[in-house]
């Protein structure tokens, strides 16, 4: 018996696998690019109005040199105080409690 030269089912299966792999790679690249753009926009918006956030971002960018920078140490200390201290929001009004009659 003579062997067939072209196995159409094998070629179709290999083509399907290749198309699925290409689609997965394209989706991964698309979502990676989209998430990086959103992250950059959030970082710029967050640091624009908060001077402490912009100082912390500067300290993050200088990496190892930040440990010797007194401004960075002060910014991190302020950040810790802000994080660990309870401060009610400005619009939050406390109502005095009244005892029963």
PDB file of N, CA and C in Angstrom:
ATOM      1  N   UNK A   1       0.836  -1.165   0.000  1.00  0.00           N
ATOM      2  CA  UNK A   1       0.000   0.000   0.000  1.00  0.00           C
ATOM      3  C   UNK A   1       0.889   1.239   0.000  1.00  0.00           C
ATOM      4  N   UNK A   2       0.476   2.157  -0.737  1.00  0.00           N
ATOM      5  CA  UNK A   2       1.267   3.366  -0.929  1.00  0.00           C
ATOM      6  C   UNK A   2       0.833   4.434   0.090  1.00  0.00           C
ATOM      7  N   UNK A   3       1.792   5.111   0.714  1.00  0.00           N
ATOM      8  CA  UNK A   3       1.488   6.159   1.703  1.00  0.00           C
ATOM      9  C   UNK A   3       1.111   7.456   1.004  1.00  0.00           C
ATOM     10  N   UNK A   4       0.153   8.157   1.590  1.00  0.00           N
ATOM     11  CA  UNK A   4      -0.255   9.445   1.006  1.00  0.00           C
ATOM     12  C   UNK A   4       0.776  10.507   1.354  1.00  0.00           C
ATOM     13  N   UNK A   5       1.040  11.360   0.399  1.00  0.00           N
ATOM     14  CA  UNK A   5       2.041  12.396   0.590  1.00  0.00           C
ATOM     15  C   UNK A   5       1.470  13.532   1.432  1.00  0.00           C
ATOM     16  N   UNK A   6       0.271  13.949   1.156  1.00  0.00           N
ATOM     17  CA  UNK A   6      -0.366  15.047   1.882  1.00  0.00           C
ATOM     18  C   UNK A   6      -1.419  14.494   2.840  1.00  0.00           C
ATOM     19  N   UNK A   7      -1.246  14.783   4.094  1.00  0.00           N
ATOM     20  CA  UNK A   7      -2.236  14.415   5.102  1.00  0.00           C
ATOM     21  C   UNK A   7      -3.038  15.670   5.405  1.00  0.00           C
ATOM     22  N   UNK A   8      -4.181  15.796   4.747  1.00  0.00           N
ATOM     23  CA  UNK A   8      -4.971  17.014   4.891  1.00  0.00           C
ATOM     24  C   UNK A   8      -5.461  17.223   6.314  1.00  0.00           C
ATOM     25  N   UNK A   9      -5.792  16.173   7.026  1.00  0.00           N
ATOM     26  CA  UNK A   9      -6.253  16.347   8.406  1.00  0.00           C
ATOM     27  C   UNK A   9      -5.122  16.859   9.298  1.00  0.00           C
ATOM     28  N   UNK A  10      -3.918  16.396   9.075  1.00  0.00           N
ATOM     29  CA  UNK A  10      -2.776  16.863   9.866  1.00  0.00           C
ATOM     30  C   UNK A  10      -2.454  18.314   9.537  1.00  0.00           C
ATOM     31  N   UNK A  11      -2.547  18.671   8.267  1.00  0.00           N
ATOM     32  CA  UNK A  11      -2.302  20.058   7.865  1.00  0.00           C
ATOM     33  C   UNK A  11      -3.361  20.980   8.442  1.00  0.00           C
ATOM     34  N   UNK A  12      -4.609  20.556   8.419  1.00  0.00           N
ATOM     35  CA  UNK A  12      -5.696  21.366   8.968  1.00  0.00           C
ATOM     36  C   UNK A  12      -5.526  21.546  10.473  1.00  0.00           C
ATOM     37  N   UNK A  13      -5.149  20.487  11.170  1.00  0.00           N
ATOM     38  CA  UNK A  13      -4.940  20.556  12.615  1.00  0.00           C
ATOM     39  C   UNK A  13      -3.779  21.494  12.944  1.00  0.00           C
ATOM     40  N   UNK A  14      -2.685  21.413  12.227  1.00  0.00           N
ATOM     41  CA  UNK A  14      -1.532  22.288  12.458  1.00  0.00           C
ATOM     42  C   UNK A  14      -1.883  23.736  12.173  1.00  0.00           C
ATOM     43  N   UNK A  15      -2.664  23.974  11.113  1.00  0.00           N
ATOM     44  CA  UNK A  15      -3.095  25.337  10.790  1.00  0.00           C
ATOM     45  C   UNK A  15      -3.983  25.892  11.889  1.00  0.00           C
ATOM     46  N   UNK A  16      -4.895  25.068  12.405  1.00  0.00           N
ATOM     47  CA  UNK A  16      -5.779  25.516  13.488  1.00  0.00           C
ATOM     48  C   UNK A  16      -4.974  25.870  14.731  1.00  0.00           C
ATOM     49  N   UNK A  17      -4.018  25.043  15.089  1.00  0.00           N
ATOM     50  CA  UNK A  17      -3.172  25.340  16.250  1.00  0.00           C
ATOM     51  C   UNK A  17      -2.397  26.638  16.044  1.00  0.00           C
ATOM     52  N   UNK A  18      -1.886  26.853  14.872  1.00  0.00           N
ATOM     53  CA  UNK A  18      -1.133  28.074  14.583  1.00  0.00           C
ATOM     54  C   UNK A  18      -2.028  29.304  14.675  1.00  0.00           C
ATOM     55  N   UNK A  19      -3.252  29.209  14.147  1.00  0.00           N
ATOM     56  CA  UNK A  19      -4.166  30.349  14.214  1.00  0.00           C
ATOM     57  C   UNK A  19      -4.572  30.666  15.649  1.00  0.00           C
ATOM     58  N   UNK A  20      -4.807  29.639  16.451  1.00  0.00           N
ATOM     59  CA  UNK A  20      -5.146  29.861  17.864  1.00  0.00           C
ATOM     60  C   UNK A  20      -3.963  30.506  18.586  1.00  0.00           C
ATOM     61  N   UNK A  21      -2.751  30.052  18.320  1.00  0.00           N
ATOM     62  CA  UNK A  21      -1.572  30.639  18.959  1.00  0.00           C
ATOM     63  C   UNK A  21      -1.394  32.097  18.556  1.00  0.00           C
ATOM     64  N   UNK A  22      -1.613  32.407  17.289  1.00  0.00           N
ATOM     65  CA  UNK A  22      -1.500  33.794  16.824  1.00  0.00           C
ATOM     66  C   UNK A  22      -2.555  34.670  17.482  1.00  0.00           C
ATOM     67  N   UNK A  23      -3.777  34.155  17.613  1.00  0.00           N
ATOM     68  CA  UNK A  23      -4.841  34.928  18.249  1.00  0.00           C
ATOM     69  C   UNK A  23      -4.525  35.184  19.724  1.00  0.00           C
ATOM     70  N   UNK A  24      -3.964  34.198  20.408  1.00  0.00           N
ATOM     71  CA  UNK A  24      -3.612  34.387  21.823  1.00  0.00           C
ATOM     72  C   UNK A  24      -2.490  35.408  21.986  1.00  0.00           C
ATOM     73  N   UNK A  25      -1.515  35.361  21.131  1.00  0.00           N
ATOM     74  CA  UNK A  25      -0.410  36.326  21.204  1.00  0.00           C
ATOM     75  C   UNK A  25      -0.905  37.738  20.905  1.00  0.00           C
ATOM     76  N   UNK A  26      -1.773  37.869  19.911  1.00  0.00           N
ATOM     77  CA  UNK A  26      -2.316  39.187  19.576  1.00  0.00           C
ATOM     78  C   UNK A  26      -3.143  39.747  20.731  1.00  0.00           C
ATOM     79  N   UNK A  27      -3.944  38.909  21.375  1.00  0.00           N
ATOM     80  CA  UNK A  27      -4.754  39.367  22.515  1.00  0.00           C
ATOM     81  C   UNK A  27      -3.856  39.778  23.678  1.00  0.00           C
ATOM     82  N   UNK A  28      -2.820  38.998  23.944  1.00  0.00           N
ATOM     83  CA  UNK A  28      -1.916  39.331  25.045  1.00  0.00           C
ATOM     84  C   UNK A  28      -1.204  40.661  24.785  1.00  0.00           C
ATOM     85  N   UNK A  29      -0.744  40.878  23.575  1.00  0.00           N
ATOM     86  CA  UNK A  29      -0.083  42.144  23.241  1.00  0.00           C
ATOM     87  C   UNK A  29      -1.045  43.321  23.344  1.00  0.00           C
ATOM     88  N   UNK A  30      -2.273  43.122  22.909  1.00  0.00           N
ATOM     89  CA  UNK A  30      -3.266  44.190  22.962  1.00  0.00           C
ATOM     90  C   UNK A  30      -3.557  44.587  24.406  1.00  0.00           C
ATOM     91  N   UNK A  31      -3.802  43.605  25.281  1.00  0.00           N
ATOM     92  CA  UNK A  31      -4.133  43.926  26.665  1.00  0.00           C
ATOM     93  C   UNK A  31      -2.931  44.441  27.436  1.00  0.00           C
ATOM     94  N   UNK A  32      -1.741  43.994  27.085  1.00  0.00           N
ATOM     95  CA  UNK A  32      -0.542  44.509  27.751  1.00  0.00           C
ATOM     96  C   UNK A  32      -0.338  45.988  27.408  1.00  0.00           C
ATOM     97  N   UNK A  33      -0.498  46.344  26.153  1.00  0.00           N
ATOM     98  CA  UNK A  33      -0.341  47.737  25.738  1.00  0.00           C
ATOM     99  C   UNK A  33      -1.418  48.614  26.354  1.00  0.00           C
ATOM    100  N   UNK A  34      -2.633  48.114  26.428  1.00  0.00           N
ATOM    101  CA  UNK A  34      -3.742  48.882  26.989  1.00  0.00           C
ATOM    102  C   UNK A  34      -3.538  49.096  28.487  1.00  0.00           C
ATOM    103  N   UNK A  35      -3.111  48.087  29.221  1.00  0.00           N
ATOM    104  CA  UNK A  35      -2.925  48.230  30.659  1.00  0.00           C
ATOM    105  C   UNK A  35      -1.772  49.168  30.979  1.00  0.00           C
ATOM    106  N   UNK A  36      -0.725  49.188  30.177  1.00  0.00           N
ATOM    107  CA  UNK A  36       0.391  50.088  30.450  1.00  0.00           C
ATOM    108  C   UNK A  36      -0.015  51.537  30.214  1.00  0.00           C
ATOM    109  N   UNK A  37      -0.867  51.801  29.219  1.00  0.00           N
ATOM    110  CA  UNK A  37      -1.338  53.171  28.989  1.00  0.00           C
ATOM    111  C   UNK A  37      -2.204  53.639  30.145  1.00  0.00           C
ATOM    112  N   UNK A  38      -3.066  52.784  30.661  1.00  0.00           N
ATOM    113  CA  UNK A  38      -3.944  53.155  31.771  1.00  0.00           C
ATOM    114  C   UNK A  38      -3.127  53.413  33.026  1.00  0.00           C
ATOM    115  N   UNK A  39      -2.116  52.588  33.277  1.00  0.00           N
ATOM    116  CA  UNK A  39      -1.264  52.777  34.451  1.00  0.00           C
ATOM    117  C   UNK A  39      -0.523  54.096  34.418  1.00  0.00           C
ATOM    118  N   UNK A  40      -0.025  54.493  33.268  1.00  0.00           N
ATOM    119  CA  UNK A  40       0.681  55.763  33.128  1.00  0.00           C
ATOM    120  C   UNK A  40      -0.271  56.923  33.374  1.00  0.00           C
ATOM    121  N   UNK A  41      -1.477  56.861  32.841  1.00  0.00           N
ATOM    122  CA  UNK A  41      -2.446  57.941  33.028  1.00  0.00           C
ATOM    123  C   UNK A  41      -2.845  58.057  34.487  1.00  0.00           C
ATOM    124  N   UNK A  42      -3.040  56.925  35.187  1.00  0.00           N
ATOM    125  CA  UNK A  42      -3.406  56.967  36.602  1.00  0.00           C
ATOM    126  C   UNK A  42      -2.293  57.575  37.432  1.00  0.00           C
ATOM    127  N   UNK A  43      -1.051  57.223  37.133  1.00  0.00           N
ATOM    128  CA  UNK A  43       0.078  57.748  37.888  1.00  0.00           C
ATOM    129  C   UNK A  43       0.192  59.249  37.711  1.00  0.00           C
ATOM    130  N   UNK A  44       0.032  59.735  36.491  1.00  0.00           N
ATOM    131  CA  UNK A  44       0.114  61.173  36.250  1.00  0.00           C
ATOM    132  C   UNK A  44      -1.023  61.907  36.949  1.00  0.00           C
ATOM    133  N   UNK A  45      -2.228  61.362  36.930  1.00  0.00           N
ATOM    134  CA  UNK A  45      -3.367  62.009  37.573  1.00  0.00           C
ATOM    135  C   UNK A  45      -3.214  62.016  39.085  1.00  0.00           C
ATOM    136  N   UNK A  46      -2.687  60.949  39.650  1.00  0.00           N
ATOM    137  CA  UNK A  46      -2.537  60.862  41.100  1.00  0.00           C
ATOM    138  C   UNK A  46      -1.474  61.811  41.615  1.00  0.00           C
ATOM    139  N   UNK A  47      -0.375  61.973  40.881  1.00  0.00           N
ATOM    140  CA  UNK A  47       0.706  62.817  41.359  1.00  0.00           C
ATOM    141  C   UNK A  47       0.508  64.287  41.021  1.00  0.00           C
ATOM    142  N   UNK A  48      -0.429  64.614  40.150  1.00  0.00           N
ATOM    143  CA  UNK A  48      -0.610  66.002  39.745  1.00  0.00           C
ATOM    144  C   UNK A  48      -1.121  66.871  40.886  1.00  0.00           C
ATOM    145  N   UNK A  49      -2.044  66.383  41.689  1.00  0.00           N
ATOM    146  CA  UNK A  49      -2.641  67.208  42.726  1.00  0.00           C
ATOM    147  C   UNK A  49      -2.041  67.014  44.101  1.00  0.00           C
ATOM    148  N   UNK A  50      -1.198  66.044  44.300  1.00  0.00           N
ATOM    149  CA  UNK A  50      -0.671  65.727  45.618  1.00  0.00           C
ATOM    150  C   UNK A  50       0.850  65.884  45.616  1.00  0.00           C
ATOM    151  N   UNK A  51       1.365  66.910  46.309  1.00  0.00           N
ATOM    152  CA  UNK A  51       2.817  67.109  46.308  1.00  0.00           C
ATOM    153  C   UNK A  51       3.564  65.957  46.983  1.00  0.00           C
ATOM    154  N   UNK A  52       2.951  65.328  48.003  1.00  0.00           N
ATOM    155  CA  UNK A  52       3.600  64.202  48.659  1.00  0.00           C
ATOM    156  C   UNK A  52       3.736  63.024  47.685  1.00  0.00           C
ATOM    157  N   UNK A  53       2.709  62.790  46.889  1.00  0.00           N
ATOM    158  CA  UNK A  53       2.766  61.699  45.911  1.00  0.00           C
ATOM    159  C   UNK A  53       3.840  61.960  44.860  1.00  0.00           C
ATOM    160  N   UNK A  54       3.973  63.205  44.433  1.00  0.00           N
ATOM    161  CA  UNK A  54       5.011  63.500  43.430  1.00  0.00           C
ATOM    162  C   UNK A  54       6.407  63.358  44.041  1.00  0.00           C
ATOM    163  N   UNK A  55       6.565  63.714  45.317  1.00  0.00           N
ATOM    164  CA  UNK A  55       7.861  63.537  45.980  1.00  0.00           C
ATOM    165  C   UNK A  55       8.184  62.055  46.149  1.00  0.00           C
ATOM    166  N   UNK A  56       7.177  61.253  46.519  1.00  0.00           N
ATOM    167  CA  UNK A  56       7.388  59.818  46.645  1.00  0.00           C
ATOM    168  C   UNK A  56       7.726  59.194  45.297  1.00  0.00           C
ATOM    169  N   UNK A  57       7.113  59.686  44.241  1.00  0.00           N
ATOM    170  CA  UNK A  57       7.419  59.188  42.893  1.00  0.00           C
ATOM    171  C   UNK A  57       8.866  59.520  42.532  1.00  0.00           C
ATOM    172  N   UNK A  58       9.314  60.738  42.879  1.00  0.00           N
ATOM    173  CA  UNK A  58      10.704  61.123  42.613  1.00  0.00           C
ATOM    174  C   UNK A  58      11.657  60.214  43.382  1.00  0.00           C
ATOM    175  N   UNK A  59      11.310  59.921  44.632  1.00  0.00           N
ATOM    176  CA  UNK A  59      12.153  59.039  45.442  1.00  0.00           C
ATOM    177  C   UNK A  59      12.178  57.627  44.867  1.00  0.00           C
ATOM    178  N   UNK A  60      11.063  57.190  44.326  1.00  0.00           N
ATOM    179  CA  UNK A  60      11.014  55.868  43.709  1.00  0.00           C
ATOM    180  C   UNK A  60      11.905  55.822  42.472  1.00  0.00           C
ATOM    181  N   UNK A  61      11.956  56.910  41.741  1.00  0.00           N
ATOM    182  CA  UNK A  61      12.750  56.937  40.514  1.00  0.00           C
ATOM    183  C   UNK A  61      14.256  56.955  40.783  1.00  0.00           C
ATOM    184  N   UNK A  62      14.674  57.555  41.907  1.00  0.00           N
ATOM    185  CA  UNK A  62      16.111  57.593  42.179  1.00  0.00           C
ATOM    186  C   UNK A  62      16.586  56.338  42.905  1.00  0.00           C
ATOM    187  N   UNK A  63      15.697  55.460  43.271  1.00  0.00           N
ATOM    188  CA  UNK A  63      15.963  54.116  43.795  1.00  0.00           C
ATOM    189  C   UNK A  63      16.914  54.116  44.982  1.00  0.00           C
ATOM    190  N   UNK A  64      18.100  53.552  44.852  1.00  0.00           N
ATOM    191  CA  UNK A  64      19.034  53.367  45.959  1.00  0.00           C
ATOM    192  C   UNK A  64      19.531  54.689  46.542  1.00  0.00           C
ATOM    193  N   UNK A  65      19.573  55.737  45.750  1.00  0.00           N
ATOM    194  CA  UNK A  65      20.045  57.025  46.245  1.00  0.00           C
ATOM    195  C   UNK A  65      19.034  57.663  47.193  1.00  0.00           C
ATOM    196  N   UNK A  66      17.796  57.161  47.222  1.00  0.00           N
ATOM    197  CA  UNK A  66      16.756  57.741  48.065  1.00  0.00           C
ATOM    198  C   UNK A  66      17.028  57.514  49.545  1.00  0.00           C
ATOM    199  N   UNK A  67      17.766  56.465  49.877  1.00  0.00           N
ATOM    200  CA  UNK A  67      18.026  56.186  51.297  1.00  0.00           C
ATOM    201  C   UNK A  67      18.929  57.239  51.927  1.00  0.00           C
ATOM    202  N   UNK A  68      19.710  57.941  51.115  1.00  0.00           N
ATOM    203  CA  UNK A  68      20.595  58.986  51.632  1.00  0.00           C
ATOM    204  C   UNK A  68      20.023  60.386  51.436  1.00  0.00           C
ATOM    205  N   UNK A  69      18.833  60.477  50.894  1.00  0.00           N
ATOM    206  CA  UNK A  69      18.215  61.766  50.596  1.00  0.00           C
ATOM    207  C   UNK A  69      17.279  62.161  51.743  1.00  0.00           C
ATOM    208  N   UNK A  70      17.559  63.259  52.457  1.00  0.00           N
ATOM    209  CA  UNK A  70      16.707  63.647  53.588  1.00  0.00           C
ATOM    210  C   UNK A  70      15.278  64.010  53.163  1.00  0.00           C
ATOM    211  N   UNK A  71      15.116  64.539  51.960  1.00  0.00           N
ATOM    212  CA  UNK A  71      13.766  64.868  51.490  1.00  0.00           C
ATOM    213  C   UNK A  71      12.938  63.601  51.298  1.00  0.00           C
ATOM    214  N   UNK A  72      13.567  62.553  50.821  1.00  0.00           N
ATOM    215  CA  UNK A  72      12.859  61.284  50.640  1.00  0.00           C
ATOM    216  C   UNK A  72      12.510  60.663  51.987  1.00  0.00           C
ATOM    217  N   UNK A  73      13.431  60.733  52.934  1.00  0.00           N
ATOM    218  CA  UNK A  73      13.140  60.202  54.263  1.00  0.00           C
ATOM    219  C   UNK A  73      11.981  60.942  54.898  1.00  0.00           C
ATOM    220  N   UNK A  74      11.940  62.262  54.735  1.00  0.00           N
ATOM    221  CA  UNK A  74      10.825  63.052  55.279  1.00  0.00           C
ATOM    222  C   UNK A  74       9.519  62.709  54.574  1.00  0.00           C
ATOM    223  N   UNK A  75       9.579  62.501  53.270  1.00  0.00           N
ATOM    224  CA  UNK A  75       8.361  62.152  52.521  1.00  0.00           C
ATOM    225  C   UNK A  75       7.822  60.800  52.957  1.00  0.00           C
ATOM    226  N   UNK A  76       8.725  59.826  53.155  1.00  0.00           N
ATOM    227  CA  UNK A  76       8.270  58.509  53.604  1.00  0.00           C
ATOM    228  C   UNK A  76       7.712  58.571  55.012  1.00  0.00           C
ATOM    229  N   UNK A  77       8.312  59.385  55.871  1.00  0.00           N
ATOM    230  CA  UNK A  77       7.784  59.542  57.231  1.00  0.00           C
ATOM    231  C   UNK A  77       6.396  60.172  57.191  1.00  0.00           C
ATOM    232  N   UNK A  78       6.215  61.189  56.369  1.00  0.00           N
ATOM    233  CA  UNK A  78       4.907  61.821  56.231  1.00  0.00           C
ATOM    234  C   UNK A  78       3.888  60.826  55.678  1.00  0.00           C
ATOM    235  N   UNK A  79       4.300  60.012  54.746  1.00  0.00           N
ATOM    236  CA  UNK A  79       3.401  59.010  54.176  1.00  0.00           C
ATOM    237  C   UNK A  79       2.978  57.995  55.240  1.00  0.00           C
ATOM    238  N   UNK A  80       3.925  57.574  56.082  1.00  0.00           N
ATOM    239  CA  UNK A  80       3.579  56.647  57.163  1.00  0.00           C
ATOM    240  C   UNK A  80       2.617  57.290  58.146  1.00  0.00           C
ATOM    241  N   UNK A  81       2.856  58.566  58.491  1.00  0.00           N
ATOM    242  CA  UNK A  81       1.939  59.251  59.406  1.00  0.00           C
ATOM    243  C   UNK A  81       0.549  59.348  58.801  1.00  0.00           C
ATOM    244  N   UNK A  82       0.487  59.665  57.523  1.00  0.00           N
ATOM    245  CA  UNK A  82      -0.802  59.799  56.852  1.00  0.00           C
ATOM    246  C   UNK A  82      -1.517  58.454  56.770  1.00  0.00           C
ATOM    247  N   UNK A  83      -0.761  57.386  56.590  1.00  0.00           N
ATOM    248  CA  UNK A  83      -1.365  56.067  56.451  1.00  0.00           C
ATOM    249  C   UNK A  83      -1.845  55.527  57.798  1.00  0.00           C
ATOM    250  N   UNK A  84      -1.038  55.694  58.838  1.00  0.00           N
ATOM    251  CA  UNK A  84      -1.354  55.081  60.116  1.00  0.00           C
ATOM    252  C   UNK A  84      -2.187  55.966  61.045  1.00  0.00           C
ATOM    253  N   UNK A  85      -2.456  57.187  60.679  1.00  0.00           N
ATOM    254  CA  UNK A  85      -3.234  58.090  61.520  1.00  0.00           C
ATOM    255  C   UNK A  85      -4.647  58.192  60.979  1.00  0.00           C
ATOM    256  N   UNK A  86      -5.617  58.062  61.894  1.00  0.00           N
ATOM    257  CA  UNK A  86      -7.009  58.209  61.478  1.00  0.00           C
ATOM    258  C   UNK A  86      -7.343  59.693  61.439  1.00  0.00           C
ATOM    259  N   UNK A  87      -7.778  60.147  60.303  1.00  0.00           N
ATOM    260  CA  UNK A  87      -8.232  61.531  60.153  1.00  0.00           C
ATOM    261  C   UNK A  87      -9.551  61.495  59.392  1.00  0.00           C
ATOM    262  N   UNK A  88     -10.633  61.944  60.018  1.00  0.00           N
ATOM    263  CA  UNK A  88     -11.907  61.917  59.303  1.00  0.00           C
ATOM    264  C   UNK A  88     -11.872  62.856  58.105  1.00  0.00           C
ATOM    265  N   UNK A  89     -12.648  62.515  57.118  1.00  0.00           N
ATOM    266  CA  UNK A  89     -12.685  63.353  55.926  1.00  0.00           C
ATOM    267  C   UNK A  89     -13.284  64.711  56.263  1.00  0.00           C
ATOM    268  N   UNK A  90     -12.946  65.773  55.515  1.00  0.00           N
ATOM    269  CA  UNK A  90     -13.429  67.117  55.837  1.00  0.00           C
ATOM    270  C   UNK A  90     -14.960  67.221  55.829  1.00  0.00           C
ATOM    271  N   UNK A  91     -15.631  66.457  55.018  1.00  0.00           N
ATOM    272  CA  UNK A  91     -17.086  66.523  54.954  1.00  0.00           C
ATOM    273  C   UNK A  91     -17.773  65.692  56.016  1.00  0.00           C
ATOM    274  N   UNK A  92     -16.995  64.936  56.791  1.00  0.00           N
ATOM    275  CA  UNK A  92     -17.558  64.045  57.796  1.00  0.00           C
ATOM    276  C   UNK A  92     -17.811  64.842  59.074  1.00  0.00           C
ATOM    277  N   UNK A  93     -19.056  65.005  59.438  1.00  0.00           N
ATOM    278  CA  UNK A  93     -19.404  65.743  60.653  1.00  0.00           C
ATOM    279  C   UNK A  93     -19.801  64.753  61.725  1.00  0.00           C
ATOM    280  N   UNK A  94     -19.250  64.949  62.906  1.00  0.00           N
ATOM    281  CA  UNK A  94     -19.625  64.054  64.003  1.00  0.00           C
ATOM    282  C   UNK A  94     -20.803  64.659  64.741  1.00  0.00           C
ATOM    283  N   UNK A  95     -21.781  63.852  65.017  1.00  0.00           N
ATOM    284  CA  UNK A  95     -22.952  64.314  65.742  1.00  0.00           C
ATOM    285  C   UNK A  95     -22.807  63.874  67.199  1.00  0.00           C
ATOM    286  N   UNK A  96     -23.093  64.799  68.113  1.00  0.00           N
ATOM    287  CA  UNK A  96     -22.988  64.417  69.527  1.00  0.00           C
ATOM    288  C   UNK A  96     -24.071  63.385  69.862  1.00  0.00           C
ATOM    289  N   UNK A  97     -23.698  62.461  70.704  1.00  0.00           N
ATOM    290  CA  UNK A  97     -24.678  61.467  71.102  1.00  0.00           C
ATOM    291  C   UNK A  97     -25.467  62.008  72.275  1.00  0.00           C
ATOM    292  N   UNK A  98     -26.752  61.752  72.254  1.00  0.00           N
ATOM    293  CA  UNK A  98     -27.615  62.210  73.341  1.00  0.00           C
ATOM    294  C   UNK A  98     -28.104  60.991  74.101  1.00  0.00           C
ATOM    295  N   UNK A  99     -28.159  61.127  75.372  1.00  0.00           N
ATOM    296  CA  UNK A  99     -28.640  60.007  76.169  1.00  0.00           C
ATOM    297  C   UNK A  99     -30.166  59.998  76.153  1.00  0.00           C
ATOM    298  N   UNK A 100     -30.731  58.863  76.469  1.00  0.00           N
ATOM    299  CA  UNK A 100     -32.184  58.712  76.454  1.00  0.00           C
ATOM    300  C   UNK A 100     -32.842  59.593  77.507  1.00  0.00           C
ATOM    301  N   UNK A 101     -34.147  59.866  77.388  1.00  0.00           N
ATOM    302  CA  UNK A 101     -34.841  60.753  78.326  1.00  0.00           C
ATOM    303  C   UNK A 101     -35.059  60.161  79.638  1.00  0.00           C
TER     304      UNK A 101
END
